[in-house]
Each structure stands twice: as structure tokens, then as C-alpha cells.
C-alpha atoms as a PDB file:
ATOM      1  CA  MET A   1       8.484  15.744  23.138  1.00  0.00           C
ATOM      2  CA  THR A   2       8.769  19.186  19.752  1.00  0.00           C
ATOM      3  CA  SER A   3       6.351  20.195  17.228  1.00  0.00           C
ATOM      4  CA  GLU A   4       7.920  21.479  14.660  1.00  0.00           C
ATOM      5  CA  LYS A   5       5.904  22.983  11.653  1.00  0.00           C
ATOM      6  CA  HIS A   6       6.778  23.165   8.397  1.00  0.00           C
ATOM      7  CA  GLU A   7       6.195  25.826   6.243  1.00  0.00           C
ATOM      8  CA  THR A   8       5.255  26.787   2.207  1.00  0.00           C
ATOM      9  CA  SER A   9       3.522  28.725  -0.209  1.00  0.00           C
ATOM     10  CA  ASP A  10       4.141  26.234  -3.229  1.00  0.00           C
ATOM     11  CA  ILE A  11       0.992  24.110  -3.856  1.00  0.00           C
ATOM     12  CA  ALA A  12       2.442  21.202  -5.614  1.00  0.00           C
ATOM     13  CA  LEU A  13       5.169  20.406  -2.250  1.00  0.00           C
ATOM     14  CA  ALA A  14       1.746  20.971   0.022  1.00  0.00           C
ATOM     15  CA  ALA A  15      -0.053  18.559  -1.907  1.00  0.00           C
ATOM     16  CA  PHE A  16       2.759  16.070  -1.945  1.00  0.00           C
ATOM     17  CA  LEU A  17       2.828  16.302   2.543  1.00  0.00           C
ATOM     18  CA  HIS A  18      -0.954  16.249   1.955  1.00  0.00           C
ATOM     19  CA  CYS A  19      -0.828  13.222   0.284  1.00  0.00           C
ATOM     20  CA  SER A  20       2.084  11.607   1.990  1.00  0.00           C
ATOM     21  CA  GLY A  21      -0.031  11.403   5.043  1.00  0.00           C
ATOM     22  CA  THR A  22       1.587  15.044   5.976  1.00  0.00           C
ATOM     23  CA  HIS A  23      -1.101  16.228   9.005  1.00  0.00           C
ATOM     24  CA  LEU A  24      -1.856  20.092   7.338  1.00  0.00           C
ATOM     25  CA  SER A  25      -2.974  21.934  10.241  1.00  0.00           C
ATOM     26  CA  GLY A  26      -3.226  25.021   8.362  1.00  0.00           C
ATOM     27  CA  ILE A  27      -3.417  27.465   5.280  1.00  0.00           C
ATOM     28  CA  ASP A  28      -2.055  31.384   6.493  1.00  0.00           C
ATOM     29  CA  HIS A  29      -3.733  33.169   4.260  1.00  0.00           C
ATOM     30  CA  GLN A  30      -1.503  36.103   4.436  1.00  0.00           C
ATOM     31  CA  ASP A  31      -3.179  38.271   0.997  1.00  0.00           C
ATOM     32  CA  ARG A  32      -5.172  37.729  -1.987  1.00  0.00           C
ATOM     33  CA  GLN A  33      -1.717  36.546  -3.751  1.00  0.00           C
ATOM     34  CA  ARG A  34       0.044  34.331  -1.552  1.00  0.00           C
ATOM     35  CA  CYS A  35      -0.861  31.837   1.254  1.00  0.00           C
ATOM     36  CA  ILE A  36       1.510  29.337   3.330  1.00  0.00           C
ATOM     37  CA  PHE A  37       0.256  25.736   3.695  1.00  0.00           C
ATOM     38  CA  ILE A  38       1.325  25.189   7.544  1.00  0.00           C
ATOM     39  CA  PHE A  39       2.491  20.909   8.370  1.00  0.00           C
ATOM     40  CA  ASP A  40       2.943  19.586  11.185  1.00  0.00           C
ATOM     41  CA  SER A  41       6.189  17.827  11.507  1.00  0.00           C
ATOM     42  CA  PRO A  42       6.718  15.678   8.405  1.00  0.00           C
ATOM     43  CA  LYS A  43       8.867  13.247   7.765  1.00  0.00           C
ATOM     44  CA  PRO A  44      12.639  15.430   6.699  1.00  0.00           C
ATOM     45  CA  GLU A  45      12.571  12.360   4.238  1.00  0.00           C
ATOM     46  CA  LEU A  46       9.781  13.502   2.883  1.00  0.00           C
ATOM     47  CA  ILE A  47      11.382  17.291   2.002  1.00  0.00           C
ATOM     48  CA  SER A  48      14.483  15.656   1.088  1.00  0.00           C
ATOM     49  CA  ARG A  49      12.972  13.573  -1.977  1.00  0.00           C
ATOM     50  CA  TRP A  50      10.505  16.297  -2.792  1.00  0.00           C
ATOM     51  CA  GLN A  51      13.719  19.187  -3.165  1.00  0.00           C
ATOM     52  CA  GLU A  52      15.929  16.142  -4.647  1.00  0.00           C
ATOM     53  CA  GLY A  53      12.947  15.509  -7.505  1.00  0.00           C
ATOM     54  CA  LYS A  54      12.547  11.815  -6.019  1.00  0.00           C
ATOM     55  CA  ALA A  55       9.402  12.550  -4.868  1.00  0.00           C
ATOM     56  CA  ASN A  56       7.159   9.350  -5.617  1.00  0.00           C
ATOM     57  CA  VAL A  57       3.347   9.357  -5.041  1.00  0.00           C
ATOM     58  CA  ASN A  58      -0.108   7.860  -6.751  1.00  0.00           C
ATOM     59  CA  ALA A  59      -1.016   9.829  -9.397  1.00  0.00           C
ATOM     60  CA  LEU A  60      -4.917  10.034  -8.106  1.00  0.00           C
ATOM     61  CA  ALA A  61      -4.005  10.472  -4.794  1.00  0.00           C
ATOM     62  CA  PHE A  62      -1.815  13.680  -5.586  1.00  0.00           C
ATOM     63  CA  HIS A  63      -3.843  15.387  -8.362  1.00  0.00           C
ATOM     64  CA  ASN A  64      -6.884  14.606  -5.521  1.00  0.00           C
ATOM     65  CA  ALA A  65      -4.798  16.294  -3.238  1.00  0.00           C
ATOM     66  CA  TYR A  66      -3.374  19.553  -5.103  1.00  0.00           C
ATOM     67  CA  GLN A  67      -7.344  19.717  -6.084  1.00  0.00           C
ATOM     68  CA  GLU A  68      -8.516  19.726  -1.831  1.00  0.00           C
ATOM     69  CA  LEU A  69      -6.248  22.593  -1.233  1.00  0.00           C
ATOM     70  CA  LYS A  70      -7.474  24.462  -4.268  1.00  0.00           C
ATOM     71  CA  ALA A  71     -11.099  24.029  -3.207  1.00  0.00           C
ATOM     72  CA  ARG A  72      -9.459  25.314   0.449  1.00  0.00           C
ATOM     73  CA  LEU A  73      -7.815  28.520  -0.873  1.00  0.00           C
ATOM     74  CA  PHE A  74     -10.738  29.828  -3.004  1.00  0.00           C
ATOM     75  CA  ARG A  75     -13.395  28.753   0.308  1.00  0.00           C
ATOM     76  CA  GLY A  76     -11.095  30.536   2.502  1.00  0.00           C
ATOM     77  CA  VAL A  77     -10.543  27.676   4.533  1.00  0.00           C
END
């Protein structure tokens, strides 16, 4: 079984994946201006839906995931 990772610097995509149940395995703080969110094996259809502009999630769940990721960035976790 392969463990595919998906990396993105897009916090909105990261929040979508996170609130869609994809495990966030880490955040790589490359420098003060940029970080990379690293996810374990997101479902390909999630990425496709995001890229096509057809991603649907609960608005409150998305907001909470976005705020959580921002907080983790500022804490350096």
C-alpha cells in the first residue's frame, strides 16, 4: 500500500481537505512568508472537485478548519 502525500501552500484548499476528513500530517514552515500543508492520501475526487470549482462542504466546518490552520501557522505547530 502506498502512502501518497498531497502538498499545498493554498490555505483555502488545505481547509477544504481538512474539513473533508483528510488527515493533515504536518505543516512545513519554509520561511516566514510561505508554508506547505502536507496531507495523507486525499481522495482524488476532492482535489478534482476543488479544481473544478465544485467543492461542497459545510460553511461552518470550512470556517473552523480555516481558523484552526491559521492558528497553527501562528503557533508554529
